[in-house]
Amino acid sequence: GALVLALKAIHATENVKLYLCSLNEQCRMIFELTRVNSIF
């Protein structure tokens, strides 16, 4: 939820992009199960 809120704030800011990297297996699974991986 904190990441999604951060992304919303960034979308409201001109010319700033947010990227993620180095998710371990557990973290990647949470992103996939919640489909949050599709917005990052």
All heavy atoms as atom14 arrays in JSON, in Angstrom:
{
  "sequence": "GALVLALKAIHATENVKLYLCSLNEQCRMIFELTRVNSIF",
  "atom14_mask": [
    [1, 1, 1, 1, 0, 0, 0, 0, 0, 0, 0, 0, 0, 0],
    [1, 1, 1, 1, 1, 0, 0, 0, 0, 0, 0, 0, 0, 0],
    [1, 1, 1, 1, 1, 1, 1, 1, 0, 0, 0, 0, 0, 0],
    [1, 1, 1, 1, 1, 1, 1, 0, 0, 0, 0, 0, 0, 0],
    [1, 1, 1, 1, 1, 1, 1, 1, 0, 0, 0, 0, 0, 0],
    [1, 1, 1, 1, 1, 0, 0, 0, 0, 0, 0, 0, 0, 0],
    [1, 1, 1, 1, 1, 1, 1, 1, 0, 0, 0, 0, 0, 0],
    [1, 1, 1, 1, 1, 1, 1, 1, 1, 0, 0, 0, 0, 0],
    [1, 1, 1, 1, 1, 0, 0, 0, 0, 0, 0, 0, 0, 0],
    [1, 1, 1, 1, 1, 1, 1, 1, 0, 0, 0, 0, 0, 0],
    [1, 1, 1, 1, 1, 1, 1, 1, 1, 1, 0, 0, 0, 0],
    [1, 1, 1, 1, 1, 0, 0, 0, 0, 0, 0, 0, 0, 0],
    [1, 1, 1, 1, 1, 1, 1, 0, 0, 0, 0, 0, 0, 0],
    [1, 1, 1, 1, 1, 1, 1, 1, 1, 0, 0, 0, 0, 0],
    [1, 1, 1, 1, 1, 1, 1, 1, 0, 0, 0, 0, 0, 0],
    [1, 1, 1, 1, 1, 1, 1, 0, 0, 0, 0, 0, 0, 0],
    [1, 1, 1, 1, 1, 1, 1, 1, 1, 0, 0, 0, 0, 0],
    [1, 1, 1, 1, 1, 1, 1, 1, 0, 0, 0, 0, 0, 0],
    [1, 1, 1, 1, 1, 1, 1, 1, 1, 1, 1, 1, 0, 0],
    [1, 1, 1, 1, 1, 1, 1, 1, 0, 0, 0, 0, 0, 0],
    [1, 1, 1, 1, 1, 1, 0, 0, 0, 0, 0, 0, 0, 0],
    [1, 1, 1, 1, 1, 1, 0, 0, 0, 0, 0, 0, 0, 0],
    [1, 1, 1, 1, 1, 1, 1, 1, 0, 0, 0, 0, 0, 0],
    [1, 1, 1, 1, 1, 1, 1, 1, 0, 0, 0, 0, 0, 0],
    [1, 1, 1, 1, 1, 1, 1, 1, 1, 0, 0, 0, 0, 0],
    [1, 1, 1, 1, 1, 1, 1, 1, 1, 0, 0, 0, 0, 0],
    [1, 1, 1, 1, 1, 1, 0, 0, 0, 0, 0, 0, 0, 0],
    [1, 1, 1, 1, 1, 1, 1, 1, 1, 1, 1, 0, 0, 0],
    [1, 1, 1, 1, 1, 1, 1, 1, 0, 0, 0, 0, 0, 0],
    [1, 1, 1, 1, 1, 1, 1, 1, 0, 0, 0, 0, 0, 0],
    [1, 1, 1, 1, 1, 1, 1, 1, 1, 1, 1, 0, 0, 0],
    [1, 1, 1, 1, 1, 1, 1, 1, 1, 0, 0, 0, 0, 0],
    [1, 1, 1, 1, 1, 1, 1, 1, 0, 0, 0, 0, 0, 0],
    [1, 1, 1, 1, 1, 1, 1, 0, 0, 0, 0, 0, 0, 0],
    [1, 1, 1, 1, 1, 1, 1, 1, 1, 1, 1, 0, 0, 0],
    [1, 1, 1, 1, 1, 1, 1, 0, 0, 0, 0, 0, 0, 0],
    [1, 1, 1, 1, 1, 1, 1, 1, 0, 0, 0, 0, 0, 0],
    [1, 1, 1, 1, 1, 1, 0, 0, 0, 0, 0, 0, 0, 0],
    [1, 1, 1, 1, 1, 1, 1, 1, 0, 0, 0, 0, 0, 0],
    [1, 1, 1, 1, 1, 1, 1, 1, 1, 1, 1, 0, 0, 0]
  ],
  "atom14_positions": [
    [[0.82, -1.21, 0.0], [0.0, 0.0, 0.0], [0.86, 1.26, 0.0], [0.56, 2.22, -0.7], [0.0, 0.0, 0.0], [0.0, 0.0, 0.0], [0.0, 0.0, 0.0], [0.0, 0.0, 0.0], [0.0, 0.0, 0.0], [0.0, 0.0, 0.0], [0.0, 0.0, 0.0], [0.0, 0.0, 0.0], [0.0, 0.0, 0.0], [0.0, 0.0, 0.0]],
    [[1.93, 1.24, 0.77], [2.84, 2.39, 0.82], [3.48, 2.61, -0.55], [3.63, 3.76, -0.99], [3.91, 2.16, 1.89], [0.0, 0.0, 0.0], [0.0, 0.0, 0.0], [0.0, 0.0, 0.0], [0.0, 0.0, 0.0], [0.0, 0.0, 0.0], [0.0, 0.0, 0.0], [0.0, 0.0, 0.0], [0.0, 0.0, 0.0], [0.0, 0.0, 0.0]],
    [[3.84, 1.54, -1.22], [4.42, 1.66, -2.57], [3.42, 2.24, -3.56], [3.76, 3.09, -4.38], [4.89, 0.3, -3.07], [6.27, -0.15, -2.66], [6.51, -1.59, -3.09], [7.34, 0.76, -3.24], [0.0, 0.0, 0.0], [0.0, 0.0, 0.0], [0.0, 0.0, 0.0], [0.0, 0.0, 0.0], [0.0, 0.0, 0.0], [0.0, 0.0, 0.0]],
    [[2.19, 1.77, -3.49], [1.15, 2.27, -4.4], [0.9, 3.76, -4.15], [0.78, 4.54, -5.1], [-0.14, 1.44, -4.28], [-1.28, 2.08, -5.06], [0.1, 0.01, -4.78], [0.0, 0.0, 0.0], [0.0, 0.0, 0.0], [0.0, 0.0, 0.0], [0.0, 0.0, 0.0], [0.0, 0.0, 0.0], [0.0, 0.0, 0.0], [0.0, 0.0, 0.0]],
    [[0.84, 4.16, -2.88], [0.66, 5.58, -2.57], [1.83, 6.41, -3.08], [1.66, 7.51, -3.59], [0.49, 5.77, -1.06], [-0.84, 5.33, -0.49], [-0.83, 5.44, 1.04], [-1.98, 6.15, -1.07], [0.0, 0.0, 0.0], [0.0, 0.0, 0.0], [0.0, 0.0, 0.0], [0.0, 0.0, 0.0], [0.0, 0.0, 0.0], [0.0, 0.0, 0.0]],
    [[3.04, 5.87, -2.94], [4.22, 6.56, -3.45], [4.14, 6.72, -4.97], [4.47, 7.77, -5.51], [5.48, 5.8, -3.05], [0.0, 0.0, 0.0], [0.0, 0.0, 0.0], [0.0, 0.0, 0.0], [0.0, 0.0, 0.0], [0.0, 0.0, 0.0], [0.0, 0.0, 0.0], [0.0, 0.0, 0.0], [0.0, 0.0, 0.0], [0.0, 0.0, 0.0]],
    [[3.69, 5.67, -5.64], [3.56, 5.73, -7.09], [2.54, 6.79, -7.5], [2.76, 7.55, -8.45], [3.17, 4.36, -7.65], [3.08, 4.27, -9.17], [4.44, 4.54, -9.82], [2.57, 2.89, -9.58], [0.0, 0.0, 0.0], [0.0, 0.0, 0.0], [0.0, 0.0, 0.0], [0.0, 0.0, 0.0], [0.0, 0.0, 0.0], [0.0, 0.0, 0.0]],
    [[1.42, 6.87, -6.77], [0.41, 7.89, -7.06], [1.0, 9.29, -6.91], [0.74, 10.17, -7.72], [-0.8, 7.73, -6.14], [-1.71, 6.6, -6.52], [-2.92, 6.58, -5.61], [-3.87, 5.49, -6.03], [-5.1, 5.5, -5.21], [0.0, 0.0, 0.0], [0.0, 0.0, 0.0], [0.0, 0.0, 0.0], [0.0, 0.0, 0.0], [0.0, 0.0, 0.0]],
    [[1.8, 9.48, -5.86], [2.43, 10.79, -5.65], [3.39, 11.12, -6.78], [3.46, 12.26, -7.24], [3.16, 10.81, -4.3], [0.0, 0.0, 0.0], [0.0, 0.0, 0.0], [0.0, 0.0, 0.0], [0.0, 0.0, 0.0], [0.0, 0.0, 0.0], [0.0, 0.0, 0.0], [0.0, 0.0, 0.0], [0.0, 0.0, 0.0], [0.0, 0.0, 0.0]],
    [[4.11, 10.12, -7.25], [5.06, 10.33, -8.34], [4.32, 10.65, -9.64], [4.75, 11.51, -10.4], [6.0, 9.13, -8.48], [7.03, 9.2, -7.35], [6.68, 9.09, -9.84], [7.94, 8.04, -7.23], [0.0, 0.0, 0.0], [0.0, 0.0, 0.0], [0.0, 0.0, 0.0], [0.0, 0.0, 0.0], [0.0, 0.0, 0.0], [0.0, 0.0, 0.0]],
    [[3.2, 9.99, -9.87], [2.42, 10.29, -11.08], [1.91, 11.72, -11.07], [1.7, 12.31, -12.13], [1.25, 9.31, -11.24], [1.65, 7.97, -11.75], [2.13, 7.77, -13.02], [1.68, 6.76, -11.16], [2.41, 6.49, -13.2], [2.16, 5.86, -12.07], [0.0, 0.0, 0.0], [0.0, 0.0, 0.0], [0.0, 0.0, 0.0], [0.0, 0.0, 0.0]],
    [[1.73, 12.29, -9.89], [1.27, 13.67, -9.77], [2.42, 14.66, -9.94], [2.2, 15.86, -10.02], [0.6, 13.88, -8.42], [0.0, 0.0, 0.0], [0.0, 0.0, 0.0], [0.0, 0.0, 0.0], [0.0, 0.0, 0.0], [0.0, 0.0, 0.0], [0.0, 0.0, 0.0], [0.0, 0.0, 0.0], [0.0, 0.0, 0.0], [0.0, 0.0, 0.0]],
    [[3.65, 14.14, -9.99], [4.84, 14.97, -10.13], [5.35, 14.84, -11.56], [5.48, 13.75, -12.08], [5.94, 14.5, -9.15], [5.4, 14.48, -7.84], [7.14, 15.41, -9.2], [0.0, 0.0, 0.0], [0.0, 0.0, 0.0], [0.0, 0.0, 0.0], [0.0, 0.0, 0.0], [0.0, 0.0, 0.0], [0.0, 0.0, 0.0], [0.0, 0.0, 0.0]],
    [[5.62, 15.96, -12.17], [6.05, 15.95, -13.56], [7.47, 15.41, -13.73], [8.36, 15.75, -12.97], [5.99, 17.37, -14.11], [5.27, 17.44, -15.44], [5.14, 18.87, -15.9], [4.24, 19.56, -15.41], [5.95, 19.27, -16.76], [0.0, 0.0, 0.0], [0.0, 0.0, 0.0], [0.0, 0.0, 0.0], [0.0, 0.0, 0.0], [0.0, 0.0, 0.0]],
    [[7.64, 14.57, -14.72], [8.97, 14.09, -15.14], [9.73, 13.3, -14.09], [10.96, 13.36, -14.05], [9.83, 15.26, -15.63], [9.22, 15.94, -16.83], [8.69, 15.28, -17.72], [9.27, 17.25, -16.86], [0.0, 0.0, 0.0], [0.0, 0.0, 0.0], [0.0, 0.0, 0.0], [0.0, 0.0, 0.0], [0.0, 0.0, 0.0], [0.0, 0.0, 0.0]],
    [[9.05, 12.58, -13.23], [9.71, 11.69, -12.26], [9.19, 10.29, -12.49], [7.98, 10.09, -12.67], [9.46, 12.13, -10.8], [10.13, 11.18, -9.82], [9.95, 13.55, -10.57], [0.0, 0.0, 0.0], [0.0, 0.0, 0.0], [0.0, 0.0, 0.0], [0.0, 0.0, 0.0], [0.0, 0.0, 0.0], [0.0, 0.0, 0.0], [0.0, 0.0, 0.0]],
    [[10.1, 9.32, -12.5], [9.71, 7.92, -12.72], [10.18, 7.08, -11.55], [11.22, 7.35, -10.95], [10.3, 7.4, -14.02], [9.8, 8.15, -15.23], [10.03, 7.34, -16.48], [9.57, 8.08, -17.7], [8.17, 8.07, -17.93], [0.0, 0.0, 0.0], [0.0, 0.0, 0.0], [0.0, 0.0, 0.0], [0.0, 0.0, 0.0], [0.0, 0.0, 0.0]],
    [[9.4, 6.03, -11.25], [9.71, 5.11, -10.16], [9.9, 3.71, -10.72], [9.08, 3.24, -11.52], [8.56, 5.09, -9.14], [8.71, 4.13, -7.97], [9.79, 4.63, -7.01], [7.4, 3.98, -7.22], [0.0, 0.0, 0.0], [0.0, 0.0, 0.0], [0.0, 0.0, 0.0], [0.0, 0.0, 0.0], [0.0, 0.0, 0.0], [0.0, 0.0, 0.0]],
    [[11.0, 3.08, -10.32], [11.31, 1.71, -10.73], [11.62, 0.89, -9.48], [12.05, 1.44, -8.46], [12.52, 1.67, -11.66], [12.33, 2.45, -12.94], [12.77, 3.77, -13.04], [11.72, 1.87, -14.04], [12.59, 4.49, -14.21], [11.55, 2.59, -15.22], [11.98, 3.89, -15.29], [11.81, 4.6, -16.45], [0.0, 0.0, 0.0], [0.0, 0.0, 0.0]],
    [[11.43, -0.41, -9.6], [11.75, -1.34, -8.51], [12.73, -2.38, -9.02], [12.73, -2.72, -10.21], [10.49, -2.07, -8.01], [9.25, -1.23, -7.69], [8.11, -2.13, -7.24], [9.55, -0.18, -6.64], [0.0, 0.0, 0.0], [0.0, 0.0, 0.0], [0.0, 0.0, 0.0], [0.0, 0.0, 0.0], [0.0, 0.0, 0.0], [0.0, 0.0, 0.0]],
    [[13.55, -2.92, -8.11], [14.43, -4.02, -8.5], [14.74, -4.91, -7.3], [14.48, -4.56, -6.16], [15.72, -3.5, -9.14], [16.92, -2.81, -8.01], [0.0, 0.0, 0.0], [0.0, 0.0, 0.0], [0.0, 0.0, 0.0], [0.0, 0.0, 0.0], [0.0, 0.0, 0.0], [0.0, 0.0, 0.0], [0.0, 0.0, 0.0], [0.0, 0.0, 0.0]],
    [[15.29, -6.07, -7.62], [15.84, -7.03, -6.65], [14.81, -7.58, -5.67], [15.08, -7.72, -4.49], [17.01, -6.39, -5.89], [18.01, -5.96, -6.78], [0.0, 0.0, 0.0], [0.0, 0.0, 0.0], [0.0, 0.0, 0.0], [0.0, 0.0, 0.0], [0.0, 0.0, 0.0], [0.0, 0.0, 0.0], [0.0, 0.0, 0.0], [0.0, 0.0, 0.0]],
    [[13.63, -7.93, -6.19], [12.63, -8.58, -5.34], [13.0, -10.05, -5.15], [13.26, -10.76, -6.13], [11.25, -8.52, -5.99], [10.61, -7.15, -6.11], [9.39, -7.21, -7.01], [10.23, -6.61, -4.75], [0.0, 0.0, 0.0], [0.0, 0.0, 0.0], [0.0, 0.0, 0.0], [0.0, 0.0, 0.0], [0.0, 0.0, 0.0], [0.0, 0.0, 0.0]],
    [[13.0, -10.52, -3.9], [13.25, -11.94, -3.68], [11.99, -12.74, -4.04], [10.96, -12.16, -4.43], [13.73, -12.22, -2.25], [12.62, -12.05, -1.21], [11.44, -11.94, -1.52], [13.01, -12.01, 0.05], [0.0, 0.0, 0.0], [0.0, 0.0, 0.0], [0.0, 0.0, 0.0], [0.0, 0.0, 0.0], [0.0, 0.0, 0.0], [0.0, 0.0, 0.0]],
    [[12.05, -14.03, -3.92], [10.93, -14.88, -4.35], [9.64, -14.58, -3.59], [8.57, -14.49, -4.18], [11.31, -16.36, -4.19], [10.3, -17.29, -4.82], [10.76, -18.74, -4.76], [11.98, -19.0, -4.8], [9.89, -19.61, -4.69], [0.0, 0.0, 0.0], [0.0, 0.0, 0.0], [0.0, 0.0, 0.0], [0.0, 0.0, 0.0], [0.0, 0.0, 0.0]],
    [[9.73, -14.41, -2.26], [8.54, -14.12, -1.46], [7.92, -12.8, -1.87], [6.71, -12.69, -2.06], [8.88, -14.1, 0.04], [7.69, -13.89, 0.96], [7.3, -12.43, 1.2], [8.1, -11.51, 1.04], [6.05, -12.23, 1.54], [0.0, 0.0, 0.0], [0.0, 0.0, 0.0], [0.0, 0.0, 0.0], [0.0, 0.0, 0.0], [0.0, 0.0, 0.0]],
    [[8.75, -11.79, -2.01], [8.25, -10.47, -2.39], [7.64, -10.49, -3.79], [6.56, -9.93, -4.01], [9.37, -9.44, -2.31], [10.05, -9.21, -0.65], [0.0, 0.0, 0.0], [0.0, 0.0, 0.0], [0.0, 0.0, 0.0], [0.0, 0.0, 0.0], [0.0, 0.0, 0.0], [0.0, 0.0, 0.0], [0.0, 0.0, 0.0], [0.0, 0.0, 0.0]],
    [[8.32, -11.14, -4.7], [7.8, -11.24, -6.07], [6.44, -11.95, -6.08], [5.51, -11.54, -6.79], [8.8, -11.99, -6.95], [8.43, -12.0, -8.42], [9.42, -12.77, -9.28], [10.79, -12.75, -8.79], [11.72, -11.84, -9.11], [11.44, -10.9, -9.93], [12.93, -11.89, -8.64], [0.0, 0.0, 0.0], [0.0, 0.0, 0.0], [0.0, 0.0, 0.0]],
    [[6.29, -12.98, -5.25], [5.03, -13.71, -5.2], [3.89, -12.82, -4.7], [2.78, -12.84, -5.25], [5.16, -14.94, -4.28], [3.97, -15.87, -4.33], [4.11, -17.29, -3.23], [5.75, -17.86, -3.51], [0.0, 0.0, 0.0], [0.0, 0.0, 0.0], [0.0, 0.0, 0.0], [0.0, 0.0, 0.0], [0.0, 0.0, 0.0], [0.0, 0.0, 0.0]],
    [[4.17, -12.01, -3.68], [3.15, -11.08, -3.17], [2.75, -10.08, -4.25], [1.57, -9.8, -4.44], [3.68, -10.33, -1.91], [3.88, -11.29, -0.75], [2.76, -9.17, -1.52], [2.62, -11.95, -0.24], [0.0, 0.0, 0.0], [0.0, 0.0, 0.0], [0.0, 0.0, 0.0], [0.0, 0.0, 0.0], [0.0, 0.0, 0.0], [0.0, 0.0, 0.0]],
    [[3.73, -9.57, -4.97], [3.43, -8.63, -6.06], [2.55, -9.3, -7.12], [1.62, -8.7, -7.63], [4.73, -8.14, -6.7], [5.34, -6.94, -6.04], [5.93, -7.04, -4.8], [5.32, -5.71, -6.67], [6.51, -5.94, -4.19], [5.89, -4.59, -6.07], [6.48, -4.71, -4.82], [0.0, 0.0, 0.0], [0.0, 0.0, 0.0], [0.0, 0.0, 0.0]],
    [[2.87, -10.56, -7.46], [2.11, -11.26, -8.49], [0.71, -11.63, -8.01], [-0.27, -11.47, -8.76], [2.87, -12.5, -8.94], [4.12, -12.15, -9.74], [5.01, -13.33, -10.03], [4.68, -14.48, -9.65], [6.09, -13.12, -10.64], [0.0, 0.0, 0.0], [0.0, 0.0, 0.0], [0.0, 0.0, 0.0], [0.0, 0.0, 0.0], [0.0, 0.0, 0.0]],
    [[0.58, -12.12, -6.78], [-0.73, -12.51, -6.26], [-1.68, -11.32, -6.17], [-2.89, -11.47, -6.4], [-0.58, -13.16, -4.88], [0.0, -14.57, -4.86], [0.28, -15.02, -3.43], [-0.94, -15.55, -5.55], [0.0, 0.0, 0.0], [0.0, 0.0, 0.0], [0.0, 0.0, 0.0], [0.0, 0.0, 0.0], [0.0, 0.0, 0.0], [0.0, 0.0, 0.0]],
    [[-1.16, -10.18, -5.83], [-1.99, -8.98, -5.71], [-2.08, -8.2, -7.02], [-2.77, -7.19, -7.1], [-1.44, -8.05, -4.61], [-0.1, -7.68, -4.94], [-1.49, -8.72, -3.25], [0.0, 0.0, 0.0], [0.0, 0.0, 0.0], [0.0, 0.0, 0.0], [0.0, 0.0, 0.0], [0.0, 0.0, 0.0], [0.0, 0.0, 0.0], [0.0, 0.0, 0.0]],
    [[-1.34, -8.66, -8.01], [-1.27, -8.05, -9.34], [-0.7, -6.63, -9.32], [-0.87, -5.86, -10.27], [-2.64, -8.07, -10.03], [-3.1, -9.48, -10.3], [-4.23, -9.5, -11.27], [-4.51, -10.88, -11.63], [-5.68, -11.46, -11.47], [-6.69, -10.78, -10.99], [-5.86, -12.71, -11.82], [0.0, 0.0, 0.0], [0.0, 0.0, 0.0], [0.0, 0.0, 0.0]],
    [[-0.01, -6.3, -8.24], [0.64, -4.99, -8.14], [1.81, -4.93, -9.12], [2.2, -3.86, -9.56], [1.08, -4.73, -6.69], [1.92, -3.47, -6.55], [-0.14, -4.63, -5.79], [0.0, 0.0, 0.0], [0.0, 0.0, 0.0], [0.0, 0.0, 0.0], [0.0, 0.0, 0.0], [0.0, 0.0, 0.0], [0.0, 0.0, 0.0], [0.0, 0.0, 0.0]],
    [[2.34, -6.09, -9.49], [3.47, -6.13, -10.43], [3.11, -5.49, -11.77], [3.99, -5.03, -12.49], [3.98, -7.55, -10.62], [2.94, -8.47, -11.2], [1.75, -8.38, -10.87], [3.35, -9.39, -12.03], [0.0, 0.0, 0.0], [0.0, 0.0, 0.0], [0.0, 0.0, 0.0], [0.0, 0.0, 0.0], [0.0, 0.0, 0.0], [0.0, 0.0, 0.0]],
    [[1.82, -5.41, -12.09], [1.41, -4.85, -13.38], [1.48, -3.32, -13.41], [1.44, -2.73, -14.48], [0.01, -5.32, -13.74], [-0.93, -4.79, -12.81], [0.0, 0.0, 0.0], [0.0, 0.0, 0.0], [0.0, 0.0, 0.0], [0.0, 0.0, 0.0], [0.0, 0.0, 0.0], [0.0, 0.0, 0.0], [0.0, 0.0, 0.0], [0.0, 0.0, 0.0]],
    [[1.58, -2.67, -12.24], [1.61, -1.21, -12.24], [3.02, -0.64, -12.01], [3.21, 0.56, -12.09], [0.63, -0.6, -11.21], [0.99, -1.0, -9.78], [-0.8, -0.98, -11.55], [0.21, -0.26, -8.72], [0.0, 0.0, 0.0], [0.0, 0.0, 0.0], [0.0, 0.0, 0.0], [0.0, 0.0, 0.0], [0.0, 0.0, 0.0], [0.0, 0.0, 0.0]],
    [[3.96, -1.52, -11.73], [5.35, -1.09, -11.52], [6.25, -1.68, -12.6], [5.98, -2.78, -13.09], [5.87, -1.59, -10.17], [5.25, -0.9, -8.99], [4.25, -1.5, -8.27], [5.68, 0.37, -8.6], [3.67, -0.88, -7.19], [5.12, 1.0, -7.51], [4.11, 0.38, -6.79], [0.0, 0.0, 0.0], [0.0, 0.0, 0.0], [0.0, 0.0, 0.0]]
  ]
}
